[in-house]
Amino acid sequence: MNIILFDDDKRVNLLPLTFTRPCGELRVGILTIAEKWSKYVSEKISHITQDYLANKYDVCYQNENVYINGRVLPSSDLIDQIKALPNEESLTQNEIIIALKTSKHINNFKELVQYSSSKPNKKISCSMINHTHDIFTENSSEIKSDYDRLTEGRKSQQLSSTNTIIGKDIFVEDGVRAEAVVFNTENGPIYLGKNSTVMEGSIIRGPFGLGENATIKMGAKIYGDTSVGPQCKVGGEVSNSVFYKNTNKGHDGFIGNSVIGEWCNLGADTNSSNLKNNYASVKLWDYSKQQFLDTGLQFCGLIMGDHSKCGINTMFNTGTVVGVSANIFGGNFPRNFIPSFTWGGSSGFATYQTNKAFQTAKKVMERRNEELTEEEQEILTSIFNNTAEFRFWEKTSIK
């Protein structure tokens, strides 16, 4: 199957994470959604996404194409239903297009809706990511599913005898380094990616996934339902959170029920509250409604977009949303919604101009032997322009 993952009109509910990626590139569990589909079909996955992202995430057409909603989490049952789907028919759930099989080359979501409206469809039930907080609430089940897919029919490498292993569901890829660590798999499996490192004194409970070349720092306390993406460095205390890729939380401090994007850095002793003092359900900023909406969750921490940073001792209130390329510092709690390209904290904000933001991004990426390309700069510039409405202080700026 030639799978093409498409962004639908609910993409806006997944901002700020989808400012910089298609829905299909969201990480939930150990793998991204696109990587999950690729594991099932052993084919490259392409995307139909926003125009400003299309050069980085292009689309590949073949004679027979299966267009799948990028927010859908694959399963063996869903794969079977898609394989059995006749050509020129679709699968839907609550009037949302889940999949469409056709030879037609479709360019965008609007065209897909129009084309599929005249085709027969079958109603099904499947799991989807509808809101940013679904990423951490679904993370436990997705870690377990990804673990099964990644380890099926394979043999784990052995860990050093200096480690303590409670339970048996732990899989160790080649090149893993871990000494004097406690791994507890009683509540779920633990996956240690290729060439990853877990430093001495760390305590990790499953379900847990550690990406390739990622590092858990000394004495870290990692509770279950947590994923640490490739090339990340994470220390301190973490619970039910997802770190995407190339992100650092290298020091003490608590992050819980949170999603942290790529190329982020959390300063020493950064803490995110994930529970209100009155135990009420948490509200999060909603980009589509441009207001705070009730999540229905008692525990909800920090949602942070790519390239954002915060200084030492930053305190994030319960249910804080930080956009792309924000730079946050200073005492006390900053506001619960921090727009993209923001510079400042509780004492006030200014606009973080792109030339300064790019200088920082280049230095950060060079440390991982990666380059801030012209393509990436164009994407970030589009985000800067498209989020100006949220920066009400535009008359002042960091130049």
Protein backbone atom coordinates (compact mmCIF):
# COMPACT_ATOMS: atom_id res chain seq x y z
CA MET A 1 0.00 0.00 0.00
CA ASN A 2 1.16 3.51 -0.80
CA ILE A 3 0.04 5.32 2.34
CA ILE A 4 -0.40 9.09 2.28
CA LEU A 5 -1.22 10.66 5.64
CA PHE A 6 -3.31 13.81 5.35
CA ASP A 7 -3.95 16.71 7.72
CA ASP A 8 -7.65 17.38 8.21
CA ASP A 9 -9.38 20.48 9.58
CA LYS A 10 -8.81 19.29 13.17
CA ARG A 11 -5.08 19.95 12.79
CA VAL A 12 -5.62 23.30 14.52
CA ASN A 13 -6.58 21.46 17.71
CA LEU A 14 -3.04 20.05 17.83
CA LEU A 15 -1.20 23.37 17.69
CA PRO A 16 1.46 24.38 18.65
CA LEU A 17 2.90 20.91 17.92
CA THR A 18 1.52 20.90 14.37
CA PHE A 19 2.91 24.34 13.55
CA THR A 20 6.15 22.58 12.58
CA ARG A 21 4.99 19.13 11.42
CA PRO A 22 2.09 17.26 9.84
CA CYS A 23 -0.25 15.40 12.19
CA GLY A 24 1.33 12.15 11.06
CA GLU A 25 4.71 13.20 12.47
CA LEU A 26 3.38 13.55 16.03
CA ARG A 27 5.15 11.23 18.47
CA VAL A 28 2.82 9.13 20.62
CA GLY A 29 4.36 6.19 22.41
CA ILE A 30 7.85 5.20 21.24
CA LEU A 31 7.26 6.01 17.55
CA THR A 32 5.70 8.78 15.51
CA ILE A 33 2.36 8.03 13.87
CA ALA A 34 4.07 7.78 10.47
CA GLU A 35 6.66 5.37 11.86
CA LYS A 36 3.86 3.19 13.26
CA TRP A 37 2.22 2.93 9.83
CA SER A 38 5.59 2.20 8.24
CA LYS A 39 6.16 -0.69 10.65
CA TYR A 40 2.86 -2.24 9.54
CA VAL A 41 3.30 -1.90 5.78
CA SER A 42 7.11 -1.70 5.35
CA GLU A 43 6.74 1.25 2.99
CA LYS A 44 7.75 4.90 3.09
CA ILE A 45 4.97 7.17 4.32
CA SER A 46 4.35 10.59 2.75
CA HIS A 47 2.11 13.50 3.70
CA ILE A 48 -0.48 15.97 2.49
CA THR A 49 -0.07 18.94 4.81
CA GLN A 50 -0.02 22.73 4.95
CA ASP A 51 1.52 24.58 2.01
CA TYR A 52 4.35 26.06 4.08
CA LEU A 53 5.35 22.56 5.28
CA ALA A 54 5.01 20.81 1.92
CA ASN A 55 8.62 21.23 0.76
CA LYS A 56 9.90 19.41 3.84
CA TYR A 57 7.08 16.88 4.00
CA ASP A 58 6.30 16.04 0.40
CA VAL A 59 3.73 13.65 -1.05
CA CYS A 60 4.46 10.56 -3.14
CA TYR A 61 1.76 9.23 -5.47
CA GLN A 62 1.50 5.78 -7.04
CA ASN A 63 -1.07 4.00 -9.19
CA GLU A 64 -3.05 2.98 -6.10
CA ASN A 65 -3.03 5.27 -3.06
CA VAL A 66 -4.49 4.95 0.41
CA TYR A 67 -5.14 8.34 1.97
CA ILE A 68 -5.27 8.00 5.77
CA ASN A 69 -6.09 10.63 8.35
CA GLY A 70 -2.78 11.61 9.97
CA ARG A 71 -4.37 11.68 13.44
CA VAL A 72 -5.28 7.98 13.33
CA LEU A 73 -3.35 5.51 15.48
CA PRO A 74 -2.91 2.28 13.51
CA SER A 75 -3.86 -1.18 14.74
CA SER A 76 -3.82 -4.65 13.20
CA ASP A 77 -7.60 -4.58 12.89
CA LEU A 78 -7.60 -1.23 11.11
CA ILE A 79 -4.86 -2.39 8.74
CA ASP A 80 -6.99 -5.42 7.83
CA GLN A 81 -10.00 -3.19 7.15
CA ILE A 82 -7.94 -0.88 4.94
CA LYS A 83 -6.49 -3.81 2.99
CA ALA A 84 -10.00 -5.16 2.41
CA LEU A 85 -11.31 -1.74 1.33
CA PRO A 86 -12.38 -1.78 -2.35
CA ASN A 87 -10.92 0.84 -4.65
CA GLU A 88 -12.83 4.16 -4.71
CA GLU A 89 -14.34 3.57 -1.26
CA SER A 90 -13.67 5.11 2.15
CA LEU A 91 -13.79 4.42 5.88
CA THR A 92 -15.34 6.98 8.21
CA GLN A 93 -15.87 7.49 11.93
CA ASN A 94 -18.46 10.01 13.12
CA GLU A 95 -18.39 11.58 9.64
CA ILE A 96 -14.61 12.02 9.86
CA ILE A 97 -12.70 10.53 6.94
CA ILE A 98 -10.39 7.82 8.21
CA ALA A 99 -9.17 6.32 4.92
CA LEU A 100 -9.82 6.58 1.19
CA LYS A 101 -8.47 4.19 -1.43
CA THR A 102 -8.17 5.63 -4.94
CA SER A 103 -5.83 5.97 -7.90
CA LYS A 104 -6.60 9.70 -8.06
CA HIS A 105 -3.82 12.11 -7.09
CA ILE A 106 -5.37 14.35 -4.43
CA ASN A 107 -3.56 17.55 -3.45
CA ASN A 108 -5.27 18.81 -0.29
CA PHE A 109 -7.87 18.04 2.36
CA LYS A 110 -10.63 20.11 0.75
CA GLU A 111 -10.24 18.20 -2.50
CA LEU A 112 -10.23 14.91 -0.60
CA VAL A 113 -13.52 15.77 1.16
CA GLN A 114 -15.17 16.72 -2.11
CA TYR A 115 -13.95 13.62 -3.91
CA SER A 116 -14.87 11.15 -1.16
CA SER A 117 -18.35 12.65 -0.62
CA SER A 118 -19.64 10.83 -3.70
CA LYS A 119 -17.99 7.51 -2.86
CA PRO A 120 -19.38 4.61 -0.81
CA ASN A 121 -18.15 4.56 2.77
CA LYS A 122 -18.07 2.13 5.64
CA LYS A 123 -18.38 3.28 9.25
CA ILE A 124 -15.71 2.00 11.64
CA SER A 125 -14.25 2.70 15.08
CA CYS A 126 -10.58 3.54 15.65
CA SER A 127 -8.29 5.55 17.94
CA MET A 128 -7.34 9.11 17.02
CA ILE A 129 -5.40 12.01 18.48
CA ASN A 130 -7.92 14.84 18.81
CA HIS A 131 -6.17 17.21 21.22
CA THR A 132 -2.61 17.82 22.37
CA HIS A 133 -3.32 16.29 25.78
CA ASP A 134 -4.36 13.03 24.08
CA ILE A 135 -0.66 12.51 23.37
CA PHE A 136 0.15 11.86 27.02
CA THR A 137 -3.18 10.23 27.92
CA GLU A 138 -2.73 7.71 25.06
CA ASN A 139 0.98 7.29 25.69
CA SER A 140 0.75 4.24 27.94
CA SER A 141 -1.22 2.12 25.47
CA GLU A 142 0.91 3.33 22.54
CA ILE A 143 4.19 2.48 24.29
CA LYS A 144 2.87 -1.06 24.82
CA SER A 145 1.73 -1.36 21.20
CA ASP A 146 4.99 0.05 19.82
CA TYR A 147 6.98 -2.23 22.11
CA ASP A 148 5.21 -5.28 20.67
CA ARG A 149 5.81 -4.10 17.08
CA LEU A 150 9.46 -3.23 17.64
CA THR A 151 10.41 -6.41 19.50
CA GLU A 152 8.33 -9.10 17.79
CA GLY A 153 10.51 -12.07 16.82
CA ARG A 154 13.67 -10.35 18.04
CA LYS A 155 16.07 -11.06 20.88
CA SER A 156 17.07 -8.38 23.40
CA GLN A 157 20.68 -7.57 24.23
CA GLN A 158 21.80 -8.20 27.81
CA LEU A 159 22.19 -5.47 30.40
CA SER A 160 25.10 -5.30 32.83
CA SER A 161 24.70 -7.22 36.09
CA THR A 162 25.08 -3.93 38.01
CA ASN A 163 21.46 -3.11 37.09
CA THR A 164 18.39 -4.21 39.01
CA ILE A 165 15.54 -5.48 36.82
CA ILE A 166 12.09 -6.02 38.31
CA GLY A 167 9.89 -8.03 35.96
CA LYS A 168 10.88 -9.28 32.50
CA ASP A 169 9.45 -7.02 29.77
CA ILE A 170 12.56 -5.03 28.94
CA PHE A 171 14.11 -4.85 25.48
CA VAL A 172 17.65 -3.59 24.94
CA GLU A 173 18.89 -2.58 21.49
CA ASP A 174 22.52 -2.68 20.36
CA GLY A 175 24.91 -0.22 21.96
CA VAL A 176 22.86 0.55 25.07
CA ARG A 177 24.88 1.62 28.11
CA ALA A 178 23.36 1.33 31.59
CA GLU A 179 24.99 0.74 34.96
CA ALA A 180 23.52 0.68 38.49
CA VAL A 181 19.97 1.49 37.30
CA VAL A 182 16.66 0.17 38.66
CA PHE A 183 14.25 -0.89 35.90
CA ASN A 184 10.72 -1.84 37.03
CA THR A 185 8.48 -3.42 34.38
CA GLU A 186 5.65 -4.59 36.65
CA ASN A 187 3.20 -2.03 35.19
CA GLY A 188 4.46 -2.08 31.60
CA PRO A 189 7.43 -2.71 29.31
CA ILE A 190 10.65 -0.74 29.01
CA TYR A 191 12.33 -0.17 25.64
CA LEU A 192 15.90 1.12 25.37
CA GLY A 193 16.74 2.36 21.87
CA LYS A 194 19.96 1.82 19.96
CA ASN A 195 23.05 3.52 21.47
CA SER A 196 21.01 5.07 24.27
CA THR A 197 22.46 5.68 27.76
CA VAL A 198 20.93 5.44 31.22
CA MET A 199 23.32 6.85 33.81
CA GLU A 200 23.87 5.37 37.24
CA GLY A 201 21.41 5.90 40.05
CA SER A 202 18.39 6.33 37.77
CA ILE A 203 15.07 4.69 38.65
CA ILE A 204 12.70 3.93 35.76
CA ARG A 205 9.22 2.44 35.80
CA GLY A 206 7.42 1.18 32.72
CA PRO A 207 5.73 1.70 30.41
CA PHE A 208 8.75 3.64 29.15
CA GLY A 209 10.42 4.20 25.82
CA LEU A 210 13.90 5.65 25.25
CA GLY A 211 14.83 6.71 21.73
CA GLU A 212 18.01 6.10 19.78
CA ASN A 213 21.07 7.97 21.09
CA ALA A 214 19.03 9.46 23.94
CA THR A 215 20.39 9.88 27.48
CA ILE A 216 18.83 9.63 30.93
CA LYS A 217 20.98 11.65 33.34
CA MET A 218 22.31 10.50 36.72
CA GLY A 219 19.78 9.90 39.46
CA ALA A 220 16.73 10.54 37.27
CA LYS A 221 13.33 9.42 38.54
CA ILE A 222 11.15 8.42 35.59
CA TYR A 223 7.59 7.31 36.28
CA GLY A 224 5.58 5.24 33.82
CA ASP A 225 3.79 6.25 30.63
CA THR A 226 6.81 8.35 29.60
CA SER A 227 8.58 8.54 26.24
CA VAL A 228 11.95 10.18 25.60
CA GLY A 229 12.63 10.68 21.90
CA PRO A 230 15.86 10.24 19.93
CA GLN A 231 18.87 12.37 20.92
CA CYS A 232 17.10 13.79 23.97
CA LYS A 233 18.80 14.30 27.34
CA VAL A 234 16.48 14.04 30.34
CA GLY A 235 17.09 14.19 34.08
CA GLY A 236 15.22 15.02 37.27
CA GLU A 237 11.67 13.80 37.89
CA VAL A 238 9.33 13.00 34.99
CA SER A 239 5.86 11.43 34.92
CA ASN A 240 3.55 10.56 32.01
CA SER A 241 5.24 12.89 29.55
CA VAL A 242 6.48 12.79 25.95
CA PHE A 243 9.72 14.42 24.79
CA TYR A 244 9.96 14.59 21.02
CA LYS A 245 13.52 14.73 19.62
CA ASN A 246 16.78 16.61 20.29
CA THR A 247 15.35 18.18 23.45
CA ASN A 248 17.12 18.72 26.78
CA LYS A 249 15.83 18.57 30.33
CA GLY A 250 19.25 17.90 31.75
CA HIS A 251 18.76 18.84 35.40
CA ASP A 252 16.50 18.47 38.42
CA GLY A 253 12.92 19.71 38.31
CA PHE A 254 9.54 18.09 37.70
CA ILE A 255 7.69 17.65 34.41
CA GLY A 256 4.39 15.75 34.49
CA ASN A 257 1.51 15.07 32.08
CA SER A 258 3.26 17.13 29.44
CA VAL A 259 4.38 17.15 25.80
CA ILE A 260 7.67 18.83 24.92
CA GLY A 261 8.52 19.39 21.25
CA GLU A 262 11.84 19.21 19.36
CA TRP A 263 14.91 21.37 19.99
CA CYS A 264 13.60 22.58 23.35
CA ASN A 265 15.74 23.24 26.43
CA LEU A 266 14.43 23.39 29.99
CA GLY A 267 16.73 25.24 32.38
CA ALA A 268 17.90 23.75 35.68
CA ASP A 269 15.10 23.26 38.24
CA THR A 270 12.33 24.02 35.76
CA ASN A 271 9.03 22.75 37.16
CA SER A 272 5.60 22.33 35.62
CA SER A 273 2.55 22.05 37.82
CA ASN A 274 0.22 19.29 36.66
CA LEU A 275 -2.45 19.57 39.38
CA LYS A 276 -4.43 22.60 40.51
CA ASN A 277 -4.55 23.42 44.22
CA ASN A 278 -8.33 22.97 44.23
CA TYR A 279 -8.08 19.70 42.24
CA ALA A 280 -10.37 21.12 39.56
CA SER A 281 -10.13 20.01 35.93
CA VAL A 282 -7.50 21.85 33.91
CA LYS A 283 -8.14 24.29 31.07
CA LEU A 284 -5.78 24.59 28.09
CA TRP A 285 -5.45 27.29 25.44
CA ASP A 286 -7.32 26.26 22.27
CA TYR A 287 -6.06 27.83 19.04
CA SER A 288 -9.26 27.15 17.10
CA LYS A 289 -11.50 28.86 19.67
CA GLN A 290 -8.79 31.32 20.81
CA GLN A 291 -9.72 30.77 24.42
CA PHE A 292 -9.06 28.37 27.31
CA LEU A 293 -11.18 25.21 27.16
CA ASP A 294 -11.78 22.59 29.83
CA THR A 295 -9.82 19.39 29.13
CA GLY A 296 -11.79 17.35 31.65
CA LEU A 297 -8.43 16.24 33.07
CA GLN A 298 -7.37 16.60 36.67
CA PHE A 299 -3.71 16.21 35.68
CA CYS A 300 -2.34 18.33 32.83
CA GLY A 301 1.01 20.09 32.74
CA LEU A 302 2.94 21.77 29.91
CA ILE A 303 2.54 21.71 26.13
CA MET A 304 5.62 23.23 24.48
CA GLY A 305 6.22 23.80 20.75
CA ASP A 306 9.52 23.24 18.92
CA HIS A 307 12.61 25.42 19.49
CA SER A 308 11.28 26.91 22.74
CA LYS A 309 13.57 27.45 25.75
CA CYS A 310 13.19 28.43 29.38
CA GLY A 311 15.71 29.72 31.90
CA ILE A 312 16.82 28.41 35.27
CA ASN A 313 14.08 28.00 37.93
CA THR A 314 11.21 28.60 35.50
CA MET A 315 7.83 27.74 37.02
CA PHE A 316 5.00 26.77 34.66
CA ASN A 317 1.48 26.85 36.01
CA THR A 318 -0.97 23.98 35.53
CA GLY A 319 -2.08 23.70 31.91
CA THR A 320 0.43 26.02 30.21
CA VAL A 321 0.76 26.16 26.42
CA VAL A 322 3.99 27.54 24.92
CA GLY A 323 4.25 28.17 21.19
CA VAL A 324 7.18 27.74 18.80
CA SER A 325 10.52 29.45 19.42
CA ALA A 326 9.65 31.16 22.70
CA ASN A 327 12.35 32.21 25.16
CA ILE A 328 11.01 32.31 28.73
CA PHE A 329 12.86 33.47 31.86
CA GLY A 330 12.46 35.33 35.14
CA GLY A 331 10.78 34.73 38.48
CA ASN A 332 7.15 33.91 39.30
CA PHE A 333 4.73 32.14 36.97
CA PRO A 334 4.47 33.31 33.35
CA ARG A 335 1.00 33.37 31.83
CA ASN A 336 -0.72 30.09 30.84
CA PHE A 337 -0.55 30.84 27.12
CA ILE A 338 2.74 32.02 25.67
CA PRO A 339 2.56 32.75 21.92
CA SER A 340 5.20 31.71 19.41
CA PHE A 341 8.28 33.93 19.12
CA THR A 342 7.87 35.40 22.59
CA TRP A 343 10.72 36.77 24.69
CA GLY A 344 10.23 37.33 28.45
CA GLY A 345 8.24 36.06 31.40
CA SER A 346 5.98 37.14 34.25
CA SER A 347 7.35 40.69 34.14
CA GLY A 348 6.25 41.12 30.54
CA PHE A 349 6.83 39.96 26.96
CA ALA A 350 8.34 41.25 23.77
CA THR A 351 8.62 39.76 20.29
CA TYR A 352 11.52 37.39 19.67
CA GLN A 353 12.52 38.48 16.18
CA THR A 354 13.42 35.76 13.68
CA ASN A 355 17.02 36.88 13.14
CA LYS A 356 17.76 36.38 16.86
CA ALA A 357 15.74 33.16 17.01
CA PHE A 358 17.63 31.74 14.02
CA GLN A 359 20.99 32.57 15.60
CA THR A 360 20.07 30.54 18.67
CA ALA A 361 18.59 27.67 16.65
CA LYS A 362 21.74 27.40 14.52
CA LYS A 363 23.96 27.15 17.59
CA VAL A 364 21.71 24.59 19.24
CA MET A 365 21.49 22.40 16.13
CA GLU A 366 25.23 22.58 15.46
CA ARG A 367 25.77 20.91 18.85
CA ARG A 368 23.97 17.85 17.41
CA ASN A 369 25.76 18.13 14.05
CA GLU A 370 22.63 19.33 12.33
CA GLU A 371 21.97 22.43 10.24
CA LEU A 372 19.20 25.01 10.33
CA THR A 373 18.41 24.87 6.62
CA GLU A 374 16.83 27.56 4.47
CA GLU A 375 13.80 25.29 4.29
CA GLU A 376 13.50 25.23 8.10
CA GLN A 377 13.95 29.00 8.28
CA GLU A 378 11.15 29.50 5.77
CA ILE A 379 8.87 27.30 7.89
CA LEU A 380 9.69 29.23 11.04
CA THR A 381 9.21 32.54 9.24
CA SER A 382 5.74 31.42 8.13
CA ILE A 383 4.89 30.52 11.73
CA PHE A 384 6.20 33.90 12.91
CA ASN A 385 3.96 35.72 10.42
CA ASN A 386 0.92 33.53 11.04
CA THR A 387 1.03 33.92 14.83
CA ALA A 388 1.43 37.72 14.99
CA GLU A 389 -2.21 38.08 16.07
CA PHE A 390 -1.42 36.40 19.39
CA ARG A 391 1.45 38.77 20.25
CA PHE A 392 -0.54 41.76 21.46
CA TRP A 393 2.59 43.68 22.45
CA GLU A 394 4.04 43.92 18.89
CA LYS A 395 4.84 47.61 19.37
CA THR A 396 7.85 46.48 21.44
CA SER A 397 10.38 43.94 20.24
CA ILE A 398 13.78 42.37 20.77
CA LYS A 399 15.77 43.43 17.70
